Amino acid sequence: MLIRIVKLTLKKENIASFEQIFEETKDFIRNFEGCLSLELYQDRKQPNIFFTYSTWEKEENLDDYRKSEFFRNVWGKTKLLFEDKPEAWSVNRIKSVR
């Protein structure tokens, strides 16, 4: 399993536009082959900073998603909303305590 964390820093005036894009696309992303979960987080003190947290069966699934026409279209719209360059990490879960 692969976990993908992406930090998105938006221009403050674009927060609502980003939330609308996420709302319109979340089901397609979540139902993309190999996507096990998708979550969206917002920083409590800097509301223009968001994080997406997704889990994928394997790295190839994430790669296929990132190469898809759907991703290119959505990313093309989303990147216009940024205040700063996005940051992304692909990580492995070592341990989970609940």
N, C-alpha and C. Protein backbone atom coordinates (compact mmCIF):
# COMPACT_ATOMS: atom_id res chain seq x y z
N MET A 1 0.85 -1.18 0.00
CA MET A 1 0.00 0.00 0.00
C MET A 1 0.89 1.25 0.00
N LEU A 2 0.43 2.25 -0.71
CA LEU A 2 1.14 3.53 -0.81
C LEU A 2 0.23 4.64 -0.28
N ILE A 3 0.79 5.53 0.50
CA ILE A 3 0.05 6.70 0.99
C ILE A 3 0.63 7.93 0.30
N ARG A 4 -0.24 8.76 -0.22
CA ARG A 4 0.17 9.98 -0.92
C ARG A 4 -0.38 11.18 -0.17
N ILE A 5 0.51 12.07 0.23
CA ILE A 5 0.13 13.29 0.94
C ILE A 5 0.56 14.46 0.07
N VAL A 6 -0.37 15.36 -0.20
CA VAL A 6 -0.08 16.52 -1.04
C VAL A 6 -0.49 17.78 -0.29
N LYS A 7 0.43 18.72 -0.18
CA LYS A 7 0.16 20.01 0.46
C LYS A 7 -0.10 21.04 -0.63
N LEU A 8 -1.24 21.71 -0.52
CA LEU A 8 -1.65 22.71 -1.50
C LEU A 8 -1.85 24.04 -0.80
N THR A 9 -1.09 25.05 -1.19
CA THR A 9 -1.25 26.39 -0.63
C THR A 9 -1.94 27.25 -1.67
N LEU A 10 -3.15 27.66 -1.35
CA LEU A 10 -4.00 28.39 -2.29
C LEU A 10 -3.98 29.88 -2.02
N LYS A 11 -4.27 30.64 -3.04
CA LYS A 11 -4.56 32.06 -2.82
C LYS A 11 -5.87 32.10 -2.03
N LYS A 12 -5.94 32.95 -1.04
CA LYS A 12 -7.12 32.99 -0.17
C LYS A 12 -8.43 33.15 -0.94
N GLU A 13 -8.37 33.95 -2.00
CA GLU A 13 -9.59 34.19 -2.77
C GLU A 13 -10.02 32.97 -3.60
N ASN A 14 -9.18 31.93 -3.62
CA ASN A 14 -9.48 30.74 -4.42
C ASN A 14 -9.93 29.54 -3.59
N ILE A 15 -10.08 29.71 -2.30
CA ILE A 15 -10.46 28.59 -1.43
C ILE A 15 -11.79 27.98 -1.88
N ALA A 16 -12.80 28.79 -2.09
CA ALA A 16 -14.11 28.26 -2.49
C ALA A 16 -14.05 27.54 -3.83
N SER A 17 -13.28 28.06 -4.76
CA SER A 17 -13.13 27.40 -6.07
C SER A 17 -12.47 26.04 -5.91
N PHE A 18 -11.45 25.97 -5.07
CA PHE A 18 -10.78 24.69 -4.84
C PHE A 18 -11.75 23.69 -4.21
N GLU A 19 -12.48 24.13 -3.20
CA GLU A 19 -13.42 23.23 -2.53
C GLU A 19 -14.47 22.72 -3.52
N GLN A 20 -14.89 23.55 -4.44
CA GLN A 20 -15.87 23.13 -5.44
C GLN A 20 -15.25 22.09 -6.39
N ILE A 21 -14.03 22.32 -6.83
CA ILE A 21 -13.35 21.35 -7.70
C ILE A 21 -13.21 20.01 -6.98
N PHE A 22 -12.81 20.04 -5.71
CA PHE A 22 -12.66 18.80 -4.96
C PHE A 22 -14.00 18.08 -4.85
N GLU A 23 -15.05 18.83 -4.53
CA GLU A 23 -16.38 18.23 -4.38
C GLU A 23 -16.84 17.57 -5.68
N GLU A 24 -16.55 18.21 -6.80
CA GLU A 24 -16.98 17.69 -8.10
C GLU A 24 -16.16 16.49 -8.56
N THR A 25 -14.94 16.34 -8.05
CA THR A 25 -14.05 15.29 -8.57
C THR A 25 -13.76 14.17 -7.58
N LYS A 26 -14.10 14.34 -6.33
CA LYS A 26 -13.70 13.38 -5.29
C LYS A 26 -14.17 11.96 -5.57
N ASP A 27 -15.39 11.79 -6.06
CA ASP A 27 -15.89 10.44 -6.29
C ASP A 27 -15.15 9.76 -7.42
N PHE A 28 -14.83 10.50 -8.47
CA PHE A 28 -14.07 9.91 -9.57
C PHE A 28 -12.68 9.49 -9.09
N ILE A 29 -12.04 10.36 -8.33
CA ILE A 29 -10.70 10.03 -7.81
C ILE A 29 -10.79 8.80 -6.92
N ARG A 30 -11.73 8.81 -6.00
CA ARG A 30 -11.87 7.70 -5.05
C ARG A 30 -12.17 6.38 -5.76
N ASN A 31 -12.88 6.44 -6.88
CA ASN A 31 -13.25 5.23 -7.61
C ASN A 31 -12.25 4.87 -8.70
N PHE A 32 -11.16 5.63 -8.80
CA PHE A 32 -10.12 5.28 -9.77
C PHE A 32 -9.51 3.96 -9.35
N GLU A 33 -9.18 3.11 -10.31
CA GLU A 33 -8.64 1.79 -10.00
C GLU A 33 -7.44 1.88 -9.06
N GLY A 34 -7.54 1.19 -7.94
CA GLY A 34 -6.45 1.14 -6.98
C GLY A 34 -6.50 2.16 -5.87
N CYS A 35 -7.41 3.14 -5.97
CA CYS A 35 -7.53 4.13 -4.89
C CYS A 35 -8.37 3.53 -3.78
N LEU A 36 -7.80 3.43 -2.59
CA LEU A 36 -8.49 2.83 -1.45
C LEU A 36 -9.20 3.85 -0.58
N SER A 37 -8.68 5.07 -0.54
CA SER A 37 -9.32 6.12 0.26
C SER A 37 -8.81 7.48 -0.19
N LEU A 38 -9.61 8.50 0.11
CA LEU A 38 -9.25 9.87 -0.22
C LEU A 38 -9.80 10.77 0.86
N GLU A 39 -8.95 11.64 1.40
CA GLU A 39 -9.35 12.57 2.44
C GLU A 39 -8.80 13.96 2.11
N LEU A 40 -9.52 14.97 2.58
CA LEU A 40 -9.09 16.36 2.42
C LEU A 40 -9.02 16.99 3.80
N TYR A 41 -7.91 17.66 4.08
CA TYR A 41 -7.70 18.34 5.35
C TYR A 41 -7.41 19.82 5.08
N GLN A 42 -7.78 20.65 6.06
CA GLN A 42 -7.52 22.08 5.98
C GLN A 42 -6.79 22.50 7.25
N ASP A 43 -5.73 23.27 7.09
CA ASP A 43 -4.98 23.75 8.24
C ASP A 43 -5.87 24.62 9.12
N ARG A 44 -5.78 24.45 10.41
CA ARG A 44 -6.66 25.19 11.34
C ARG A 44 -6.28 26.66 11.48
N LYS A 45 -5.01 26.98 11.31
CA LYS A 45 -4.57 28.36 11.50
C LYS A 45 -4.34 29.10 10.19
N GLN A 46 -4.11 28.36 9.13
CA GLN A 46 -3.91 28.96 7.81
C GLN A 46 -4.91 28.29 6.85
N PRO A 47 -6.12 28.80 6.79
CA PRO A 47 -7.19 28.12 6.05
C PRO A 47 -6.97 28.02 4.54
N ASN A 48 -5.94 28.66 4.04
CA ASN A 48 -5.65 28.53 2.61
C ASN A 48 -4.69 27.36 2.32
N ILE A 49 -4.32 26.61 3.37
CA ILE A 49 -3.46 25.44 3.19
C ILE A 49 -4.30 24.19 3.36
N PHE A 50 -4.26 23.34 2.33
CA PHE A 50 -5.00 22.09 2.33
C PHE A 50 -4.02 20.94 2.13
N PHE A 51 -4.43 19.77 2.58
CA PHE A 51 -3.68 18.54 2.36
C PHE A 51 -4.64 17.49 1.82
N THR A 52 -4.23 16.79 0.78
CA THR A 52 -4.97 15.59 0.38
C THR A 52 -4.17 14.40 0.89
N TYR A 53 -4.91 13.40 1.33
CA TYR A 53 -4.32 12.19 1.88
C TYR A 53 -5.04 11.04 1.19
N SER A 54 -4.31 10.30 0.37
CA SER A 54 -4.94 9.19 -0.34
C SER A 54 -4.12 7.94 -0.16
N THR A 55 -4.80 6.80 -0.18
CA THR A 55 -4.12 5.52 -0.11
C THR A 55 -4.40 4.76 -1.40
N TRP A 56 -3.37 4.08 -1.86
CA TRP A 56 -3.40 3.37 -3.14
C TRP A 56 -2.91 1.95 -2.93
N GLU A 57 -3.50 1.02 -3.67
CA GLU A 57 -3.08 -0.38 -3.57
C GLU A 57 -1.60 -0.52 -3.89
N LYS A 58 -1.17 0.14 -4.96
CA LYS A 58 0.24 0.07 -5.35
C LYS A 58 0.62 1.32 -6.11
N GLU A 59 1.90 1.56 -6.21
CA GLU A 59 2.41 2.77 -6.84
C GLU A 59 1.95 2.90 -8.29
N GLU A 60 1.84 1.78 -8.98
CA GLU A 60 1.41 1.80 -10.38
C GLU A 60 0.01 2.41 -10.54
N ASN A 61 -0.86 2.16 -9.56
CA ASN A 61 -2.20 2.75 -9.61
C ASN A 61 -2.14 4.27 -9.54
N LEU A 62 -1.33 4.78 -8.63
CA LEU A 62 -1.15 6.23 -8.52
C LEU A 62 -0.54 6.78 -9.80
N ASP A 63 0.45 6.09 -10.34
CA ASP A 63 1.07 6.54 -11.59
C ASP A 63 0.05 6.58 -12.73
N ASP A 64 -0.80 5.55 -12.82
CA ASP A 64 -1.84 5.53 -13.86
C ASP A 64 -2.80 6.70 -13.69
N TYR A 65 -3.17 6.99 -12.45
CA TYR A 65 -4.05 8.13 -12.18
C TYR A 65 -3.38 9.44 -12.62
N ARG A 66 -2.12 9.60 -12.27
CA ARG A 66 -1.42 10.84 -12.60
C ARG A 66 -1.18 11.01 -14.10
N LYS A 67 -1.20 9.92 -14.84
CA LYS A 67 -1.04 9.96 -16.30
C LYS A 67 -2.38 10.10 -17.04
N SER A 68 -3.48 10.03 -16.30
CA SER A 68 -4.81 10.02 -16.93
C SER A 68 -5.21 11.40 -17.45
N GLU A 69 -6.07 11.39 -18.45
CA GLU A 69 -6.62 12.62 -19.02
C GLU A 69 -7.40 13.38 -17.94
N PHE A 70 -8.12 12.63 -17.11
CA PHE A 70 -8.89 13.24 -16.01
C PHE A 70 -7.96 14.06 -15.11
N PHE A 71 -6.85 13.48 -14.67
CA PHE A 71 -5.92 14.18 -13.80
C PHE A 71 -5.38 15.43 -14.49
N ARG A 72 -4.98 15.31 -15.74
CA ARG A 72 -4.43 16.47 -16.46
C ARG A 72 -5.45 17.61 -16.50
N ASN A 73 -6.72 17.29 -16.73
CA ASN A 73 -7.75 18.33 -16.78
C ASN A 73 -7.96 18.98 -15.41
N VAL A 74 -8.09 18.16 -14.38
CA VAL A 74 -8.34 18.68 -13.03
C VAL A 74 -7.13 19.46 -12.53
N TRP A 75 -5.94 18.91 -12.74
CA TRP A 75 -4.72 19.58 -12.27
C TRP A 75 -4.54 20.90 -13.00
N GLY A 76 -4.90 20.93 -14.27
CA GLY A 76 -4.79 22.17 -15.04
C GLY A 76 -5.64 23.29 -14.44
N LYS A 77 -6.82 22.95 -13.94
CA LYS A 77 -7.69 23.94 -13.30
C LYS A 77 -7.20 24.28 -11.89
N THR A 78 -6.77 23.26 -11.17
CA THR A 78 -6.38 23.44 -9.77
C THR A 78 -5.11 24.27 -9.63
N LYS A 79 -4.12 24.03 -10.48
CA LYS A 79 -2.84 24.73 -10.30
C LYS A 79 -2.96 26.22 -10.53
N LEU A 80 -4.01 26.67 -11.18
CA LEU A 80 -4.23 28.11 -11.35
C LEU A 80 -4.60 28.79 -10.03
N LEU A 81 -5.00 28.01 -9.04
CA LEU A 81 -5.48 28.54 -7.76
C LEU A 81 -4.37 28.69 -6.71
N PHE A 82 -3.18 28.20 -7.01
CA PHE A 82 -2.10 28.14 -6.02
C PHE A 82 -1.46 29.48 -5.75
N GLU A 83 -1.08 29.64 -4.49
CA GLU A 83 -0.24 30.76 -4.08
C GLU A 83 1.23 30.34 -4.05
N ASP A 84 1.45 29.05 -3.80
CA ASP A 84 2.80 28.52 -3.67
C ASP A 84 2.85 27.16 -4.36
N LYS A 85 4.04 26.72 -4.66
CA LYS A 85 4.22 25.43 -5.33
C LYS A 85 3.73 24.30 -4.42
N PRO A 86 2.97 23.35 -4.97
CA PRO A 86 2.52 22.23 -4.15
C PRO A 86 3.69 21.33 -3.75
N GLU A 87 3.51 20.63 -2.66
CA GLU A 87 4.50 19.67 -2.19
C GLU A 87 3.81 18.33 -2.07
N ALA A 88 4.53 17.25 -2.37
CA ALA A 88 3.92 15.92 -2.32
C ALA A 88 4.91 14.90 -1.77
N TRP A 89 4.36 13.94 -1.04
CA TRP A 89 5.14 12.86 -0.48
C TRP A 89 4.41 11.54 -0.73
N SER A 90 5.15 10.53 -1.11
CA SER A 90 4.64 9.16 -1.16
C SER A 90 5.33 8.42 -0.03
N VAL A 91 4.53 7.86 0.88
CA VAL A 91 5.09 7.25 2.08
C VAL A 91 4.50 5.86 2.30
N ASN A 92 5.20 5.09 3.09
CA ASN A 92 4.72 3.78 3.54
C ASN A 92 4.29 3.90 4.99
N ARG A 93 3.20 3.27 5.34
CA ARG A 93 2.78 3.22 6.74
C ARG A 93 3.66 2.21 7.45
N ILE A 94 4.28 2.64 8.52
CA ILE A 94 5.12 1.75 9.34
C ILE A 94 4.28 1.12 10.43
N LYS A 95 3.48 1.95 11.09
CA LYS A 95 2.68 1.45 12.20
C LYS A 95 1.48 2.33 12.38
N SER A 96 0.38 1.73 12.78
CA SER A 96 -0.83 2.49 13.08
C SER A 96 -1.35 2.05 14.44
N VAL A 97 -1.57 3.00 15.31
CA VAL A 97 -2.07 2.71 16.66
C VAL A 97 -3.42 3.40 16.79
N ARG A 98 -4.44 2.65 17.11
CA ARG A 98 -5.79 3.22 17.24
C ARG A 98 -6.36 2.93 18.59
